[in-house]
Amino acid sequence: MITKVNWDDVPEEQVNPSMKRKMLWGEKIMIAKMKFKDGFTVPMHSHENEQVTQVTKGTIRFWFGDEDADPVDLHAGDSVVIPGDLPHKALMIGDVEETDTWAPPRKDWIDGTDDYLKK
């Protein structure tokens, strides 16, 4: 069954004081549109899901592998593909808007067990 969805109709979740998100998912893929406040850090984590991050506003500084790795800055218009199980951390520089896509869908985000973001 095909369901038409407008992003304006998708509920926005206030994950923590510095992060909001809207999510859509199917059986094999998930998309989340997110807004972050300047200075928010997504702590080092990993997940089985392959991830594509697309930045539309601001800058995200990523560290891949470990916190001592050289950072990679993504600016508006930049994207990155993050393989599954690769540890990564991110710092928001300026207010950030971005879209993440995962395959398969993030079960921890769907069932609300993504505690690493809710602090």
N, C-alpha and C. Protein backbone atom coordinates (compact mmCIF):
# COMPACT_ATOMS: atom_id res chain seq x y z
N MET A 1 0.84 -1.18 0.00
CA MET A 1 0.00 0.00 0.00
C MET A 1 0.89 1.24 0.00
N ILE A 2 0.56 2.21 -0.80
CA ILE A 2 1.30 3.46 -0.90
C ILE A 2 0.59 4.52 -0.05
N THR A 3 1.37 5.22 0.77
CA THR A 3 0.82 6.29 1.59
C THR A 3 1.57 7.58 1.28
N LYS A 4 0.84 8.60 0.87
CA LYS A 4 1.43 9.91 0.61
C LYS A 4 1.58 10.65 1.94
N VAL A 5 2.75 11.22 2.17
CA VAL A 5 3.02 11.94 3.41
C VAL A 5 3.65 13.28 3.08
N ASN A 6 3.18 14.33 3.76
CA ASN A 6 3.81 15.65 3.66
C ASN A 6 4.59 15.87 4.95
N TRP A 7 5.87 16.30 4.84
CA TRP A 7 6.70 16.49 6.02
C TRP A 7 6.05 17.45 7.02
N ASP A 8 5.25 18.40 6.56
CA ASP A 8 4.58 19.33 7.48
C ASP A 8 3.60 18.61 8.41
N ASP A 9 3.13 17.42 8.00
CA ASP A 9 2.18 16.65 8.79
C ASP A 9 2.84 15.63 9.71
N VAL A 10 4.15 15.46 9.60
CA VAL A 10 4.86 14.48 10.42
C VAL A 10 5.14 15.11 11.79
N PRO A 11 4.77 14.43 12.87
CA PRO A 11 5.00 15.01 14.20
C PRO A 11 6.49 15.24 14.46
N GLU A 12 6.79 16.35 15.12
CA GLU A 12 8.17 16.67 15.47
C GLU A 12 8.40 16.29 16.92
N GLU A 13 9.46 15.51 17.15
CA GLU A 13 9.82 15.07 18.50
C GLU A 13 10.95 15.94 19.04
N GLN A 14 10.77 16.44 20.26
CA GLN A 14 11.84 17.17 20.95
C GLN A 14 12.64 16.11 21.71
N VAL A 15 13.75 15.65 21.13
CA VAL A 15 14.53 14.55 21.69
C VAL A 15 15.24 14.99 22.96
N ASN A 16 15.81 16.19 22.93
CA ASN A 16 16.47 16.81 24.08
C ASN A 16 16.40 18.32 23.83
N PRO A 17 16.87 19.15 24.75
CA PRO A 17 16.73 20.60 24.54
C PRO A 17 17.41 21.14 23.28
N SER A 18 18.35 20.38 22.71
CA SER A 18 19.10 20.86 21.53
C SER A 18 18.82 20.08 20.26
N MET A 19 17.85 19.17 20.28
CA MET A 19 17.61 18.32 19.11
C MET A 19 16.13 18.05 18.90
N LYS A 20 15.68 18.27 17.65
CA LYS A 20 14.32 17.92 17.23
C LYS A 20 14.42 17.03 16.00
N ARG A 21 13.45 16.14 15.83
CA ARG A 21 13.47 15.27 14.65
C ARG A 21 12.06 14.89 14.21
N LYS A 22 11.96 14.62 12.90
CA LYS A 22 10.77 14.05 12.28
C LYS A 22 11.23 12.79 11.56
N MET A 23 10.47 11.71 11.65
CA MET A 23 10.91 10.44 11.07
C MET A 23 9.82 9.79 10.22
N LEU A 24 10.26 9.17 9.14
CA LEU A 24 9.43 8.31 8.30
C LEU A 24 10.20 7.02 8.08
N TRP A 25 9.51 5.90 8.05
CA TRP A 25 10.21 4.66 7.77
C TRP A 25 9.28 3.65 7.13
N GLY A 26 9.93 2.75 6.40
CA GLY A 26 9.25 1.61 5.81
C GLY A 26 9.88 0.35 6.35
N GLU A 27 9.77 -0.71 5.59
CA GLU A 27 10.31 -2.00 6.03
C GLU A 27 11.84 -2.02 5.96
N LYS A 28 12.43 -1.35 4.96
CA LYS A 28 13.87 -1.47 4.73
C LYS A 28 14.65 -0.17 4.81
N ILE A 29 13.98 0.96 5.00
CA ILE A 29 14.68 2.26 5.00
C ILE A 29 13.98 3.23 5.94
N MET A 30 14.76 4.19 6.45
CA MET A 30 14.23 5.21 7.36
C MET A 30 14.86 6.55 7.00
N ILE A 31 14.07 7.61 7.10
CA ILE A 31 14.55 8.97 6.86
C ILE A 31 14.16 9.82 8.07
N ALA A 32 15.11 10.64 8.52
CA ALA A 32 14.83 11.57 9.62
C ALA A 32 15.32 12.95 9.24
N LYS A 33 14.46 13.94 9.41
CA LYS A 33 14.85 15.35 9.24
C LYS A 33 15.07 15.89 10.64
N MET A 34 16.26 16.49 10.85
CA MET A 34 16.62 16.91 12.20
C MET A 34 17.11 18.35 12.24
N LYS A 35 16.91 18.96 13.43
CA LYS A 35 17.40 20.31 13.71
C LYS A 35 18.16 20.24 15.02
N PHE A 36 19.37 20.83 15.02
CA PHE A 36 20.22 20.86 16.20
C PHE A 36 20.62 22.28 16.52
N LYS A 37 20.79 22.57 17.80
CA LYS A 37 21.30 23.87 18.23
C LYS A 37 22.83 23.84 18.22
N ASP A 38 23.41 25.00 18.00
CA ASP A 38 24.86 25.16 17.99
C ASP A 38 25.48 24.55 19.24
N GLY A 39 26.56 23.79 19.05
CA GLY A 39 27.31 23.24 20.17
C GLY A 39 26.87 21.86 20.62
N PHE A 40 25.73 21.36 20.12
CA PHE A 40 25.28 20.03 20.53
C PHE A 40 26.24 18.98 20.00
N THR A 41 26.54 17.99 20.84
CA THR A 41 27.40 16.89 20.44
C THR A 41 26.62 15.58 20.48
N VAL A 42 26.66 14.85 19.37
CA VAL A 42 26.15 13.48 19.34
C VAL A 42 27.33 12.62 19.81
N PRO A 43 27.21 11.92 20.95
CA PRO A 43 28.35 11.18 21.47
C PRO A 43 28.79 10.04 20.56
N MET A 44 30.02 9.58 20.75
CA MET A 44 30.54 8.46 19.98
C MET A 44 29.59 7.28 20.13
N HIS A 45 29.21 6.70 19.00
CA HIS A 45 28.29 5.56 18.98
C HIS A 45 28.46 4.82 17.66
N SER A 46 27.85 3.67 17.57
CA SER A 46 27.81 2.94 16.30
C SER A 46 26.50 2.17 16.25
N HIS A 47 26.15 1.74 15.06
CA HIS A 47 24.92 0.97 14.85
C HIS A 47 25.10 0.14 13.59
N GLU A 48 24.32 -0.92 13.49
CA GLU A 48 24.44 -1.81 12.34
C GLU A 48 24.02 -1.14 11.03
N ASN A 49 23.25 -0.07 11.13
CA ASN A 49 22.64 0.57 9.98
C ASN A 49 23.63 1.38 9.16
N GLU A 50 23.58 1.23 7.85
CA GLU A 50 24.30 2.14 6.97
C GLU A 50 23.57 3.48 7.04
N GLN A 51 24.32 4.58 7.01
CA GLN A 51 23.73 5.91 7.21
C GLN A 51 24.23 6.87 6.13
N VAL A 52 23.31 7.67 5.59
CA VAL A 52 23.68 8.77 4.71
C VAL A 52 23.23 10.05 5.41
N THR A 53 24.16 10.98 5.60
CA THR A 53 23.85 12.27 6.22
C THR A 53 24.00 13.36 5.17
N GLN A 54 22.96 14.21 5.05
CA GLN A 54 22.94 15.33 4.12
C GLN A 54 22.70 16.61 4.92
N VAL A 55 23.64 17.54 4.86
CA VAL A 55 23.53 18.79 5.62
C VAL A 55 22.88 19.85 4.73
N THR A 56 21.85 20.51 5.27
CA THR A 56 21.18 21.58 4.52
C THR A 56 21.43 22.96 5.13
N LYS A 57 21.88 23.02 6.40
CA LYS A 57 22.17 24.30 7.06
C LYS A 57 23.21 24.05 8.15
N GLY A 58 24.17 24.94 8.27
CA GLY A 58 25.18 24.84 9.32
C GLY A 58 26.31 23.89 8.93
N THR A 59 27.07 23.48 9.93
CA THR A 59 28.21 22.59 9.75
C THR A 59 28.17 21.48 10.79
N ILE A 60 28.42 20.26 10.35
CA ILE A 60 28.58 19.13 11.27
C ILE A 60 30.03 18.67 11.18
N ARG A 61 30.69 18.63 12.33
CA ARG A 61 32.06 18.09 12.40
C ARG A 61 31.97 16.65 12.90
N PHE A 62 32.38 15.70 12.06
CA PHE A 62 32.35 14.28 12.39
C PHE A 62 33.74 13.77 12.74
N TRP A 63 33.78 12.82 13.65
CA TRP A 63 34.96 12.00 13.90
C TRP A 63 34.54 10.57 13.61
N PHE A 64 35.33 9.87 12.81
CA PHE A 64 35.02 8.50 12.42
C PHE A 64 36.09 7.56 12.97
N GLY A 65 35.67 6.45 13.54
CA GLY A 65 36.60 5.45 14.06
C GLY A 65 36.87 5.65 15.54
N ASP A 66 37.41 6.81 15.91
CA ASP A 66 37.60 7.13 17.32
C ASP A 66 37.75 8.64 17.47
N GLU A 67 37.73 9.09 18.72
CA GLU A 67 37.74 10.53 18.99
C GLU A 67 39.07 11.20 18.66
N ASP A 68 40.12 10.40 18.44
CA ASP A 68 41.42 10.96 18.08
C ASP A 68 41.61 11.08 16.57
N ALA A 69 40.64 10.60 15.81
CA ALA A 69 40.74 10.67 14.34
C ALA A 69 40.63 12.12 13.88
N ASP A 70 41.18 12.40 12.71
CA ASP A 70 41.05 13.74 12.13
C ASP A 70 39.58 14.01 11.83
N PRO A 71 39.06 15.18 12.23
CA PRO A 71 37.64 15.47 11.97
C PRO A 71 37.37 15.76 10.50
N VAL A 72 36.11 15.53 10.11
CA VAL A 72 35.63 15.82 8.76
C VAL A 72 34.45 16.78 8.92
N ASP A 73 34.55 17.97 8.30
CA ASP A 73 33.47 18.96 8.38
C ASP A 73 32.56 18.84 7.17
N LEU A 74 31.26 18.75 7.43
CA LEU A 74 30.25 18.76 6.38
C LEU A 74 29.50 20.08 6.47
N HIS A 75 29.43 20.80 5.36
CA HIS A 75 28.73 22.08 5.28
C HIS A 75 27.45 21.90 4.48
N ALA A 76 26.61 22.93 4.44
CA ALA A 76 25.36 22.87 3.67
C ALA A 76 25.67 22.40 2.25
N GLY A 77 24.96 21.39 1.80
CA GLY A 77 25.17 20.81 0.47
C GLY A 77 26.04 19.57 0.48
N ASP A 78 26.75 19.32 1.59
CA ASP A 78 27.62 18.14 1.69
C ASP A 78 26.85 16.94 2.21
N SER A 79 27.32 15.76 1.80
CA SER A 79 26.76 14.49 2.27
C SER A 79 27.90 13.54 2.57
N VAL A 80 27.61 12.52 3.38
CA VAL A 80 28.58 11.47 3.67
C VAL A 80 27.82 10.16 3.84
N VAL A 81 28.45 9.06 3.40
CA VAL A 81 27.92 7.72 3.62
C VAL A 81 28.74 7.08 4.73
N ILE A 82 28.07 6.67 5.80
CA ILE A 82 28.74 6.08 6.96
C ILE A 82 28.40 4.58 6.97
N PRO A 83 29.41 3.72 6.81
CA PRO A 83 29.14 2.27 6.82
C PRO A 83 28.59 1.82 8.16
N GLY A 84 27.81 0.74 8.15
CA GLY A 84 27.31 0.16 9.39
C GLY A 84 28.45 -0.24 10.30
N ASP A 85 28.23 -0.13 11.61
CA ASP A 85 29.17 -0.53 12.66
C ASP A 85 30.41 0.35 12.77
N LEU A 86 30.50 1.48 12.03
CA LEU A 86 31.63 2.39 12.16
C LEU A 86 31.35 3.39 13.28
N PRO A 87 32.14 3.40 14.36
CA PRO A 87 31.91 4.38 15.42
C PRO A 87 32.05 5.80 14.87
N HIS A 88 31.19 6.70 15.33
CA HIS A 88 31.25 8.08 14.89
C HIS A 88 30.65 9.00 15.96
N LYS A 89 31.11 10.26 15.93
CA LYS A 89 30.71 11.31 16.85
C LYS A 89 30.51 12.56 16.01
N ALA A 90 29.63 13.48 16.45
CA ALA A 90 29.37 14.68 15.66
C ALA A 90 29.18 15.89 16.56
N LEU A 91 29.73 17.03 16.13
CA LEU A 91 29.57 18.32 16.81
C LEU A 91 28.87 19.27 15.86
N MET A 92 27.82 19.93 16.34
CA MET A 92 27.09 20.90 15.53
C MET A 92 27.76 22.28 15.67
N ILE A 93 28.13 22.85 14.52
CA ILE A 93 28.75 24.17 14.49
C ILE A 93 27.75 25.12 13.83
N GLY A 94 27.17 26.01 14.64
CA GLY A 94 26.04 26.81 14.20
C GLY A 94 24.78 25.96 14.33
N ASP A 95 23.63 26.57 14.14
CA ASP A 95 22.39 25.81 14.13
C ASP A 95 22.40 24.95 12.87
N VAL A 96 22.08 23.67 13.02
CA VAL A 96 22.20 22.70 11.93
C VAL A 96 20.85 22.11 11.58
N GLU A 97 20.61 21.97 10.27
CA GLU A 97 19.49 21.20 9.76
C GLU A 97 20.07 20.17 8.82
N GLU A 98 19.62 18.93 8.97
CA GLU A 98 20.16 17.84 8.16
C GLU A 98 19.15 16.72 8.04
N THR A 99 19.40 15.85 7.07
CA THR A 99 18.56 14.68 6.84
C THR A 99 19.44 13.45 6.88
N ASP A 100 19.03 12.47 7.69
CA ASP A 100 19.73 11.19 7.74
C ASP A 100 18.82 10.12 7.15
N THR A 101 19.45 9.20 6.43
CA THR A 101 18.76 8.04 5.87
C THR A 101 19.49 6.81 6.35
N TRP A 102 18.76 5.80 6.81
CA TRP A 102 19.36 4.56 7.30
C TRP A 102 18.72 3.36 6.64
N ALA A 103 19.54 2.33 6.47
CA ALA A 103 19.05 1.03 6.05
C ALA A 103 19.81 -0.01 6.87
N PRO A 104 19.10 -0.91 7.53
CA PRO A 104 17.65 -0.90 7.76
C PRO A 104 17.25 0.22 8.72
N PRO A 105 15.93 0.39 8.97
CA PRO A 105 15.47 1.43 9.89
C PRO A 105 16.10 1.26 11.28
N ARG A 106 16.26 2.38 11.98
CA ARG A 106 16.81 2.38 13.34
C ARG A 106 15.73 1.96 14.34
N LYS A 107 15.77 0.72 14.78
CA LYS A 107 14.78 0.22 15.74
C LYS A 107 14.83 0.99 17.05
N ASP A 108 16.05 1.41 17.48
CA ASP A 108 16.17 2.14 18.74
C ASP A 108 15.46 3.49 18.66
N TRP A 109 15.43 4.12 17.48
CA TRP A 109 14.72 5.39 17.32
C TRP A 109 13.22 5.15 17.28
N ILE A 110 12.80 4.07 16.65
CA ILE A 110 11.37 3.78 16.54
C ILE A 110 10.77 3.43 17.90
N ASP A 111 11.50 2.61 18.69
CA ASP A 111 10.95 2.18 19.98
C ASP A 111 11.35 3.07 21.15
N GLY A 112 12.15 4.13 20.88
CA GLY A 112 12.48 5.10 21.92
C GLY A 112 13.59 4.69 22.87
N THR A 113 14.41 3.70 22.49
CA THR A 113 15.49 3.25 23.37
C THR A 113 16.83 3.91 23.02
N ASP A 114 16.80 5.00 22.28
CA ASP A 114 18.02 5.72 21.87
C ASP A 114 18.46 6.68 22.99
N ASP A 115 18.74 6.13 24.17
CA ASP A 115 19.05 6.94 25.35
C ASP A 115 20.30 7.80 25.18
N TYR A 116 21.23 7.41 24.32
CA TYR A 116 22.46 8.17 24.15
C TYR A 116 22.18 9.59 23.65
N LEU A 117 21.02 9.83 23.06
CA LEU A 117 20.65 11.16 22.56
C LEU A 117 19.77 11.95 23.53
N LYS A 118 19.23 11.30 24.52
CA LYS A 118 18.21 11.93 25.36
C LYS A 118 18.76 12.56 26.62
N LYS A 119 20.07 12.70 26.70
CA LYS A 119 20.70 13.28 27.89
C LYS A 119 20.78 14.78 27.79
